[in-house]
Amino acid sequence: MAPSSTRPELDETYTEITDWFFETYLPRWVTAVETSHDPSFIGDYWAAPLWVGDDSGLVTLAPTAEDVTAWFKVTFDRLRTAGYTHTAVLDRRVVVFNKDGGAIDVIWSRRRADDSEIERPAVHFVIARGRDGLRIVTIEATLTDSDTLDEVWPIRRGGDL
């Protein structure tokens, strides 16, 4: 159930984005990594061009669907080699900007069959609705040992800057 907001017209979008991401996209991603499926399915969820930022350096642009798929293949191969079987969602935050866009922050715990952790990234996704439906258009990530998003990315308002 979407939280009550001062803009109830966005509650439906909140539910749509949350369900699309956590109930549709995440299980498909987990299955694809675990079963060695070709990562090209990612075009159903991720846009090209895609802005990518992580701990490895400057933000880069994956300009084509092939570039986005290639970036995922590296991630899939690395996780498969480490024995990946599932992801636990340790914390999440969903923000809706308007009826066609929002953001999701999440801490993933990527794990093996024995439930040992491979890695724990905190990830920020920007989601936008285009002609093809909802797509992730930007990803920013950092590895962490934190359990909460407030520890990784505290929200600062006004005079707290």
N, C-alpha and C. Protein backbone atom coordinates (compact mmCIF):
# COMPACT_ATOMS: atom_id res chain seq x y z
N MET A 1 0.85 -1.18 0.00
CA MET A 1 0.00 0.00 0.00
C MET A 1 0.89 1.24 0.00
N ALA A 2 0.58 2.15 -0.87
CA ALA A 2 1.33 3.39 -0.96
C ALA A 2 1.06 4.25 0.26
N PRO A 3 2.08 4.94 0.73
CA PRO A 3 1.86 5.81 1.88
C PRO A 3 0.97 6.98 1.48
N SER A 4 0.21 7.47 2.42
CA SER A 4 -0.61 8.65 2.17
C SER A 4 0.32 9.84 1.99
N SER A 5 0.00 10.67 1.03
CA SER A 5 0.86 11.82 0.78
C SER A 5 0.01 13.07 0.66
N THR A 6 0.67 14.19 0.55
CA THR A 6 -0.04 15.44 0.32
C THR A 6 -0.45 15.55 -1.14
N ARG A 7 0.01 14.63 -1.97
CA ARG A 7 -0.37 14.58 -3.38
C ARG A 7 -0.90 13.18 -3.68
N PRO A 8 -2.15 12.90 -3.30
CA PRO A 8 -2.69 11.55 -3.46
C PRO A 8 -2.68 11.05 -4.90
N GLU A 9 -2.64 11.96 -5.88
CA GLU A 9 -2.60 11.53 -7.27
C GLU A 9 -1.29 10.79 -7.59
N LEU A 10 -0.28 10.94 -6.74
CA LEU A 10 0.99 10.25 -6.94
C LEU A 10 1.06 8.90 -6.23
N ASP A 11 0.08 8.60 -5.38
CA ASP A 11 0.08 7.32 -4.67
C ASP A 11 0.04 6.14 -5.64
N GLU A 12 -0.72 6.28 -6.73
CA GLU A 12 -0.80 5.20 -7.72
C GLU A 12 0.56 5.00 -8.39
N THR A 13 1.25 6.10 -8.70
CA THR A 13 2.58 6.00 -9.31
C THR A 13 3.57 5.36 -8.34
N TYR A 14 3.47 5.71 -7.06
CA TYR A 14 4.33 5.10 -6.04
C TYR A 14 4.15 3.58 -6.06
N THR A 15 2.93 3.13 -6.04
CA THR A 15 2.65 1.69 -6.05
C THR A 15 3.15 1.05 -7.33
N GLU A 16 2.90 1.71 -8.46
CA GLU A 16 3.33 1.17 -9.74
C GLU A 16 4.85 1.01 -9.81
N ILE A 17 5.59 2.06 -9.46
CA ILE A 17 7.05 2.01 -9.52
C ILE A 17 7.59 0.98 -8.54
N THR A 18 7.06 0.95 -7.32
CA THR A 18 7.53 0.02 -6.31
C THR A 18 7.29 -1.43 -6.75
N ASP A 19 6.09 -1.73 -7.21
CA ASP A 19 5.78 -3.09 -7.66
C ASP A 19 6.61 -3.48 -8.88
N TRP A 20 6.70 -2.56 -9.84
CA TRP A 20 7.49 -2.83 -11.05
C TRP A 20 8.93 -3.18 -10.69
N PHE A 21 9.49 -2.44 -9.77
CA PHE A 21 10.90 -2.62 -9.42
C PHE A 21 11.13 -3.86 -8.56
N PHE A 22 10.38 -3.97 -7.46
CA PHE A 22 10.67 -5.03 -6.49
C PHE A 22 9.95 -6.35 -6.79
N GLU A 23 8.79 -6.30 -7.44
CA GLU A 23 8.03 -7.53 -7.68
C GLU A 23 8.24 -8.09 -9.09
N THR A 24 8.65 -7.25 -10.02
CA THR A 24 8.85 -7.71 -11.40
C THR A 24 10.33 -7.72 -11.78
N TYR A 25 10.97 -6.56 -11.71
CA TYR A 25 12.37 -6.45 -12.13
C TYR A 25 13.32 -7.29 -11.26
N LEU A 26 13.30 -7.08 -9.96
CA LEU A 26 14.26 -7.77 -9.09
C LEU A 26 14.22 -9.29 -9.24
N PRO A 27 13.05 -9.94 -9.18
CA PRO A 27 13.06 -11.41 -9.36
C PRO A 27 13.61 -11.85 -10.73
N ARG A 28 13.31 -11.07 -11.76
CA ARG A 28 13.83 -11.43 -13.08
C ARG A 28 15.34 -11.29 -13.13
N TRP A 29 15.86 -10.23 -12.50
CA TRP A 29 17.31 -10.03 -12.46
C TRP A 29 17.99 -11.17 -11.70
N VAL A 30 17.45 -11.52 -10.54
CA VAL A 30 18.02 -12.60 -9.73
C VAL A 30 18.04 -13.91 -10.53
N THR A 31 16.94 -14.24 -11.16
CA THR A 31 16.86 -15.47 -11.95
C THR A 31 17.87 -15.45 -13.10
N ALA A 32 18.00 -14.33 -13.77
CA ALA A 32 18.93 -14.23 -14.88
C ALA A 32 20.37 -14.43 -14.43
N VAL A 33 20.75 -13.85 -13.32
CA VAL A 33 22.12 -14.03 -12.83
C VAL A 33 22.34 -15.47 -12.39
N GLU A 34 21.42 -15.99 -11.63
CA GLU A 34 21.57 -17.34 -11.07
C GLU A 34 21.59 -18.42 -12.14
N THR A 35 20.80 -18.25 -13.19
CA THR A 35 20.66 -19.32 -14.19
C THR A 35 21.45 -19.06 -15.46
N SER A 36 22.29 -18.05 -15.44
CA SER A 36 23.18 -17.74 -16.56
C SER A 36 22.45 -17.35 -17.84
N HIS A 37 21.28 -16.77 -17.72
CA HIS A 37 20.61 -16.28 -18.91
C HIS A 37 21.33 -15.07 -19.48
N ASP A 38 21.18 -14.90 -20.74
CA ASP A 38 21.73 -13.74 -21.43
C ASP A 38 21.16 -12.47 -20.81
N PRO A 39 21.99 -11.50 -20.47
CA PRO A 39 21.50 -10.28 -19.82
C PRO A 39 20.77 -9.31 -20.74
N SER A 40 20.52 -9.67 -21.99
CA SER A 40 19.87 -8.72 -22.90
C SER A 40 18.43 -8.42 -22.49
N PHE A 41 17.83 -9.24 -21.60
CA PHE A 41 16.49 -8.94 -21.07
C PHE A 41 16.46 -7.57 -20.39
N ILE A 42 17.63 -7.08 -20.01
CA ILE A 42 17.72 -5.86 -19.22
C ILE A 42 17.12 -4.67 -19.97
N GLY A 43 17.04 -4.75 -21.29
CA GLY A 43 16.43 -3.69 -22.08
C GLY A 43 14.95 -3.49 -21.78
N ASP A 44 14.33 -4.48 -21.14
CA ASP A 44 12.93 -4.33 -20.71
C ASP A 44 12.82 -3.47 -19.45
N TYR A 45 13.96 -3.18 -18.82
CA TYR A 45 13.96 -2.45 -17.55
C TYR A 45 14.90 -1.25 -17.52
N TRP A 46 15.95 -1.30 -18.33
CA TRP A 46 16.96 -0.26 -18.33
C TRP A 46 16.98 0.43 -19.68
N ALA A 47 17.11 1.75 -19.66
CA ALA A 47 17.13 2.54 -20.89
C ALA A 47 18.54 2.66 -21.44
N ALA A 48 18.60 2.93 -22.71
CA ALA A 48 19.84 3.34 -23.35
C ALA A 48 19.51 4.66 -24.04
N PRO A 49 20.29 5.69 -23.80
CA PRO A 49 21.52 5.69 -23.01
C PRO A 49 21.24 5.56 -21.50
N LEU A 50 22.25 5.08 -20.80
CA LEU A 50 22.20 4.89 -19.35
C LEU A 50 23.40 5.56 -18.72
N TRP A 51 23.15 6.43 -17.74
CA TRP A 51 24.25 7.03 -16.96
C TRP A 51 24.60 6.09 -15.83
N VAL A 52 25.89 5.79 -15.67
CA VAL A 52 26.37 4.83 -14.68
C VAL A 52 27.44 5.49 -13.82
N GLY A 53 27.22 5.48 -12.51
CA GLY A 53 28.22 6.00 -11.58
C GLY A 53 28.43 5.01 -10.46
N ASP A 54 29.69 4.77 -10.12
CA ASP A 54 30.00 3.88 -9.01
C ASP A 54 31.37 4.24 -8.45
N ASP A 55 31.85 3.42 -7.56
CA ASP A 55 33.13 3.69 -6.89
C ASP A 55 34.34 3.61 -7.81
N SER A 56 34.16 3.17 -9.05
CA SER A 56 35.31 2.96 -9.92
C SER A 56 35.82 4.23 -10.61
N GLY A 57 35.09 5.33 -10.52
CA GLY A 57 35.58 6.54 -11.15
C GLY A 57 34.45 7.45 -11.60
N LEU A 58 34.74 8.26 -12.58
CA LEU A 58 33.77 9.23 -13.09
C LEU A 58 32.52 8.55 -13.64
N VAL A 59 31.41 9.26 -13.60
CA VAL A 59 30.18 8.77 -14.19
C VAL A 59 30.41 8.61 -15.69
N THR A 60 29.89 7.50 -16.24
CA THR A 60 30.04 7.24 -17.66
C THR A 60 28.67 7.06 -18.29
N LEU A 61 28.64 7.12 -19.60
CA LEU A 61 27.42 6.94 -20.35
C LEU A 61 27.53 5.67 -21.17
N ALA A 62 26.55 4.77 -20.99
CA ALA A 62 26.41 3.61 -21.86
C ALA A 62 25.41 4.04 -22.93
N PRO A 63 25.87 4.40 -24.12
CA PRO A 63 24.99 5.06 -25.09
C PRO A 63 24.00 4.15 -25.81
N THR A 64 24.30 2.86 -25.93
CA THR A 64 23.43 1.97 -26.70
C THR A 64 22.95 0.80 -25.84
N ALA A 65 21.92 0.13 -26.32
CA ALA A 65 21.42 -1.07 -25.62
C ALA A 65 22.52 -2.12 -25.52
N GLU A 66 23.36 -2.23 -26.53
CA GLU A 66 24.46 -3.19 -26.51
C GLU A 66 25.46 -2.85 -25.41
N ASP A 67 25.72 -1.54 -25.21
CA ASP A 67 26.64 -1.11 -24.15
C ASP A 67 26.06 -1.42 -22.77
N VAL A 68 24.76 -1.19 -22.61
CA VAL A 68 24.10 -1.48 -21.33
C VAL A 68 24.17 -2.98 -21.06
N THR A 69 23.87 -3.80 -22.05
CA THR A 69 23.93 -5.26 -21.90
C THR A 69 25.35 -5.70 -21.57
N ALA A 70 26.34 -5.14 -22.22
CA ALA A 70 27.74 -5.49 -21.95
C ALA A 70 28.12 -5.16 -20.51
N TRP A 71 27.66 -4.02 -20.00
CA TRP A 71 27.94 -3.64 -18.61
C TRP A 71 27.34 -4.67 -17.66
N PHE A 72 26.12 -5.10 -17.96
CA PHE A 72 25.47 -6.11 -17.12
C PHE A 72 26.17 -7.46 -17.21
N LYS A 73 26.65 -7.82 -18.37
CA LYS A 73 27.33 -9.11 -18.53
C LYS A 73 28.52 -9.20 -17.59
N VAL A 74 29.27 -8.13 -17.46
CA VAL A 74 30.43 -8.12 -16.55
C VAL A 74 29.95 -8.37 -15.11
N THR A 75 28.87 -7.68 -14.72
CA THR A 75 28.33 -7.85 -13.37
C THR A 75 27.81 -9.28 -13.17
N PHE A 76 27.05 -9.78 -14.15
CA PHE A 76 26.51 -11.14 -14.05
C PHE A 76 27.64 -12.16 -13.92
N ASP A 77 28.66 -12.06 -14.78
CA ASP A 77 29.76 -13.02 -14.74
C ASP A 77 30.49 -12.99 -13.41
N ARG A 78 30.71 -11.78 -12.89
CA ARG A 78 31.42 -11.65 -11.61
C ARG A 78 30.62 -12.30 -10.48
N LEU A 79 29.31 -12.06 -10.44
CA LEU A 79 28.48 -12.63 -9.38
C LEU A 79 28.34 -14.14 -9.52
N ARG A 80 28.18 -14.64 -10.74
CA ARG A 80 28.09 -16.09 -10.95
C ARG A 80 29.36 -16.77 -10.47
N THR A 81 30.50 -16.20 -10.79
CA THR A 81 31.79 -16.77 -10.37
C THR A 81 31.87 -16.83 -8.84
N ALA A 82 31.26 -15.86 -8.17
CA ALA A 82 31.28 -15.81 -6.70
C ALA A 82 30.23 -16.72 -6.07
N GLY A 83 29.40 -17.40 -6.89
CA GLY A 83 28.40 -18.31 -6.35
C GLY A 83 27.06 -17.69 -6.04
N TYR A 84 26.74 -16.57 -6.66
CA TYR A 84 25.50 -15.84 -6.40
C TYR A 84 24.25 -16.72 -6.58
N THR A 85 23.30 -16.58 -5.64
CA THR A 85 21.99 -17.23 -5.79
C THR A 85 20.81 -16.32 -5.49
N HIS A 86 21.01 -15.27 -4.69
CA HIS A 86 19.86 -14.44 -4.34
C HIS A 86 20.31 -13.09 -3.77
N THR A 87 19.33 -12.19 -3.67
CA THR A 87 19.57 -10.86 -3.13
C THR A 87 18.59 -10.59 -2.00
N ALA A 88 19.10 -10.09 -0.89
CA ALA A 88 18.24 -9.62 0.20
C ALA A 88 18.19 -8.10 0.13
N VAL A 89 17.00 -7.55 0.33
CA VAL A 89 16.82 -6.10 0.36
C VAL A 89 16.92 -5.68 1.82
N LEU A 90 18.00 -4.98 2.16
CA LEU A 90 18.23 -4.59 3.55
C LEU A 90 17.50 -3.29 3.92
N ASP A 91 17.40 -2.38 2.96
CA ASP A 91 16.69 -1.13 3.20
C ASP A 91 16.31 -0.56 1.85
N ARG A 92 15.22 0.19 1.81
CA ARG A 92 14.80 0.80 0.56
C ARG A 92 14.06 2.09 0.82
N ARG A 93 14.13 2.97 -0.17
CA ARG A 93 13.45 4.27 -0.12
C ARG A 93 12.94 4.55 -1.54
N VAL A 94 11.67 4.88 -1.64
CA VAL A 94 11.07 5.18 -2.94
C VAL A 94 10.55 6.61 -2.91
N VAL A 95 10.92 7.39 -3.91
CA VAL A 95 10.47 8.78 -4.04
C VAL A 95 9.83 8.92 -5.41
N VAL A 96 8.63 9.50 -5.44
CA VAL A 96 7.95 9.76 -6.70
C VAL A 96 8.02 11.26 -6.98
N PHE A 97 8.52 11.61 -8.15
CA PHE A 97 8.66 13.02 -8.52
C PHE A 97 7.40 13.56 -9.19
N ASN A 98 6.81 12.73 -10.03
CA ASN A 98 5.61 13.08 -10.78
C ASN A 98 5.00 11.78 -11.29
N LYS A 99 3.95 11.85 -12.10
CA LYS A 99 3.28 10.62 -12.51
C LYS A 99 4.14 9.75 -13.42
N ASP A 100 5.25 10.28 -13.91
CA ASP A 100 6.09 9.53 -14.84
C ASP A 100 7.53 9.36 -14.40
N GLY A 101 7.84 9.64 -13.13
CA GLY A 101 9.23 9.49 -12.73
C GLY A 101 9.42 9.43 -11.23
N GLY A 102 10.49 8.79 -10.85
CA GLY A 102 10.82 8.68 -9.44
C GLY A 102 12.23 8.15 -9.26
N ALA A 103 12.52 7.81 -8.03
CA ALA A 103 13.84 7.25 -7.70
C ALA A 103 13.67 6.18 -6.64
N ILE A 104 14.56 5.21 -6.70
CA ILE A 104 14.60 4.16 -5.69
C ILE A 104 16.02 4.08 -5.18
N ASP A 105 16.16 4.14 -3.87
CA ASP A 105 17.44 3.86 -3.21
C ASP A 105 17.27 2.53 -2.50
N VAL A 106 18.29 1.70 -2.57
CA VAL A 106 18.19 0.37 -1.96
C VAL A 106 19.57 -0.10 -1.53
N ILE A 107 19.60 -0.86 -0.47
CA ILE A 107 20.82 -1.59 -0.11
C ILE A 107 20.56 -3.05 -0.42
N TRP A 108 21.34 -3.58 -1.37
CA TRP A 108 21.27 -4.99 -1.73
C TRP A 108 22.30 -5.76 -0.91
N SER A 109 21.95 -6.93 -0.48
CA SER A 109 22.93 -7.88 0.03
C SER A 109 22.91 -9.06 -0.93
N ARG A 110 23.91 -9.12 -1.79
CA ARG A 110 24.00 -10.18 -2.79
C ARG A 110 24.67 -11.38 -2.14
N ARG A 111 23.99 -12.55 -2.25
CA ARG A 111 24.38 -13.70 -1.42
C ARG A 111 24.51 -15.01 -2.20
N ARG A 112 25.20 -15.94 -1.54
CA ARG A 112 25.35 -17.31 -2.02
C ARG A 112 24.26 -18.20 -1.42
N ALA A 113 24.22 -19.44 -1.86
CA ALA A 113 23.21 -20.39 -1.37
C ALA A 113 23.28 -20.59 0.14
N ASP A 114 24.48 -20.51 0.72
CA ASP A 114 24.62 -20.67 2.18
C ASP A 114 24.30 -19.38 2.93
N ASP A 115 23.82 -18.37 2.23
CA ASP A 115 23.43 -17.06 2.74
C ASP A 115 24.62 -16.16 3.10
N SER A 116 25.83 -16.58 2.75
CA SER A 116 26.97 -15.69 2.98
C SER A 116 26.94 -14.57 1.94
N GLU A 117 27.41 -13.42 2.36
CA GLU A 117 27.33 -12.23 1.52
C GLU A 117 28.51 -12.13 0.57
N ILE A 118 28.20 -11.82 -0.68
CA ILE A 118 29.22 -11.55 -1.69
C ILE A 118 29.59 -10.07 -1.66
N GLU A 119 28.57 -9.24 -1.66
CA GLU A 119 28.79 -7.80 -1.63
C GLU A 119 27.53 -7.10 -1.17
N ARG A 120 27.70 -5.84 -0.76
CA ARG A 120 26.58 -5.05 -0.27
C ARG A 120 26.66 -3.65 -0.88
N PRO A 121 26.04 -3.47 -2.04
CA PRO A 121 26.02 -2.13 -2.61
C PRO A 121 24.78 -1.34 -2.19
N ALA A 122 24.97 -0.06 -2.00
CA ALA A 122 23.85 0.88 -1.89
C ALA A 122 23.70 1.47 -3.28
N VAL A 123 22.47 1.45 -3.80
CA VAL A 123 22.27 1.84 -5.19
C VAL A 123 21.12 2.83 -5.29
N HIS A 124 21.34 3.86 -6.10
CA HIS A 124 20.32 4.87 -6.39
C HIS A 124 19.93 4.70 -7.86
N PHE A 125 18.65 4.50 -8.10
CA PHE A 125 18.11 4.35 -9.45
C PHE A 125 17.18 5.51 -9.75
N VAL A 126 17.32 6.12 -10.91
CA VAL A 126 16.35 7.10 -11.39
C VAL A 126 15.50 6.37 -12.43
N ILE A 127 14.18 6.47 -12.26
CA ILE A 127 13.25 5.75 -13.12
C ILE A 127 12.37 6.76 -13.84
N ALA A 128 12.19 6.55 -15.13
CA ALA A 128 11.37 7.46 -15.94
C ALA A 128 10.47 6.65 -16.87
N ARG A 129 9.29 7.20 -17.11
CA ARG A 129 8.37 6.56 -18.05
C ARG A 129 8.55 7.17 -19.43
N GLY A 130 8.84 6.32 -20.40
CA GLY A 130 8.93 6.75 -21.80
C GLY A 130 7.89 5.99 -22.62
N ARG A 131 8.06 6.03 -23.91
CA ARG A 131 7.11 5.32 -24.81
C ARG A 131 7.05 3.83 -24.53
N ASP A 132 8.15 3.26 -24.06
CA ASP A 132 8.21 1.82 -23.79
C ASP A 132 7.84 1.45 -22.36
N GLY A 133 7.38 2.43 -21.57
CA GLY A 133 7.03 2.16 -20.18
C GLY A 133 8.13 2.63 -19.24
N LEU A 134 8.11 2.10 -18.03
CA LEU A 134 9.10 2.49 -17.03
C LEU A 134 10.46 1.90 -17.39
N ARG A 135 11.50 2.73 -17.20
CA ARG A 135 12.88 2.29 -17.44
C ARG A 135 13.79 3.00 -16.44
N ILE A 136 14.85 2.32 -16.06
CA ILE A 136 15.91 2.92 -15.25
C ILE A 136 16.80 3.69 -16.20
N VAL A 137 17.05 4.98 -15.89
CA VAL A 137 17.83 5.83 -16.79
C VAL A 137 19.17 6.24 -16.19
N THR A 138 19.30 6.08 -14.88
CA THR A 138 20.55 6.42 -14.19
C THR A 138 20.74 5.47 -13.03
N ILE A 139 21.98 5.10 -12.79
CA ILE A 139 22.33 4.29 -11.61
C ILE A 139 23.58 4.91 -10.97
N GLU A 140 23.52 5.05 -9.67
CA GLU A 140 24.68 5.48 -8.87
C GLU A 140 24.83 4.45 -7.76
N ALA A 141 26.03 3.96 -7.53
CA ALA A 141 26.21 2.90 -6.54
C ALA A 141 27.51 3.09 -5.77
N THR A 142 27.49 2.57 -4.55
CA THR A 142 28.69 2.54 -3.73
C THR A 142 28.63 1.30 -2.86
N LEU A 143 29.75 0.65 -2.66
CA LEU A 143 29.79 -0.49 -1.75
C LEU A 143 29.77 0.02 -0.32
N THR A 144 29.13 -0.73 0.57
CA THR A 144 28.95 -0.30 1.95
C THR A 144 28.95 -1.51 2.87
N ASP A 145 29.10 -1.25 4.15
CA ASP A 145 28.86 -2.29 5.15
C ASP A 145 27.68 -1.88 6.04
N SER A 146 27.01 -0.80 5.66
CA SER A 146 25.87 -0.29 6.43
C SER A 146 24.61 -1.11 6.17
N ASP A 147 23.69 -1.05 7.13
CA ASP A 147 22.40 -1.72 7.00
C ASP A 147 21.28 -0.77 6.60
N THR A 148 21.51 0.53 6.72
CA THR A 148 20.44 1.48 6.44
C THR A 148 20.91 2.55 5.45
N LEU A 149 19.96 3.01 4.66
CA LEU A 149 20.25 4.09 3.73
C LEU A 149 20.60 5.38 4.44
N ASP A 150 20.00 5.61 5.60
CA ASP A 150 20.32 6.82 6.36
C ASP A 150 21.79 6.87 6.77
N GLU A 151 22.41 5.71 6.96
CA GLU A 151 23.84 5.67 7.26
C GLU A 151 24.67 5.97 6.02
N VAL A 152 24.20 5.50 4.87
CA VAL A 152 24.94 5.67 3.62
C VAL A 152 24.71 7.06 3.03
N TRP A 153 23.42 7.41 2.89
CA TRP A 153 23.03 8.67 2.29
C TRP A 153 22.00 9.36 3.16
N PRO A 154 22.44 10.02 4.21
CA PRO A 154 21.46 10.72 5.06
C PRO A 154 20.78 11.83 4.27
N ILE A 155 19.52 12.03 4.55
CA ILE A 155 18.78 13.11 3.90
C ILE A 155 19.08 14.39 4.64
N ARG A 156 19.54 15.38 3.91
CA ARG A 156 19.85 16.68 4.50
C ARG A 156 18.89 17.70 3.90
N ARG A 157 18.32 18.52 4.74
CA ARG A 157 17.35 19.51 4.28
C ARG A 157 17.78 20.91 4.69
N GLY A 158 17.49 21.85 3.82
CA GLY A 158 17.66 23.27 4.14
C GLY A 158 18.94 23.61 4.85
N GLY A 159 18.83 24.04 6.13
CA GLY A 159 19.98 24.48 6.91
C GLY A 159 20.97 23.40 7.26
N ASP A 160 20.63 22.13 6.97
CA ASP A 160 21.54 21.02 7.27
C ASP A 160 22.63 20.87 6.23
N LEU A 161 22.58 21.66 5.16
CA LEU A 161 23.53 21.47 4.05
C LEU A 161 24.94 21.79 4.43
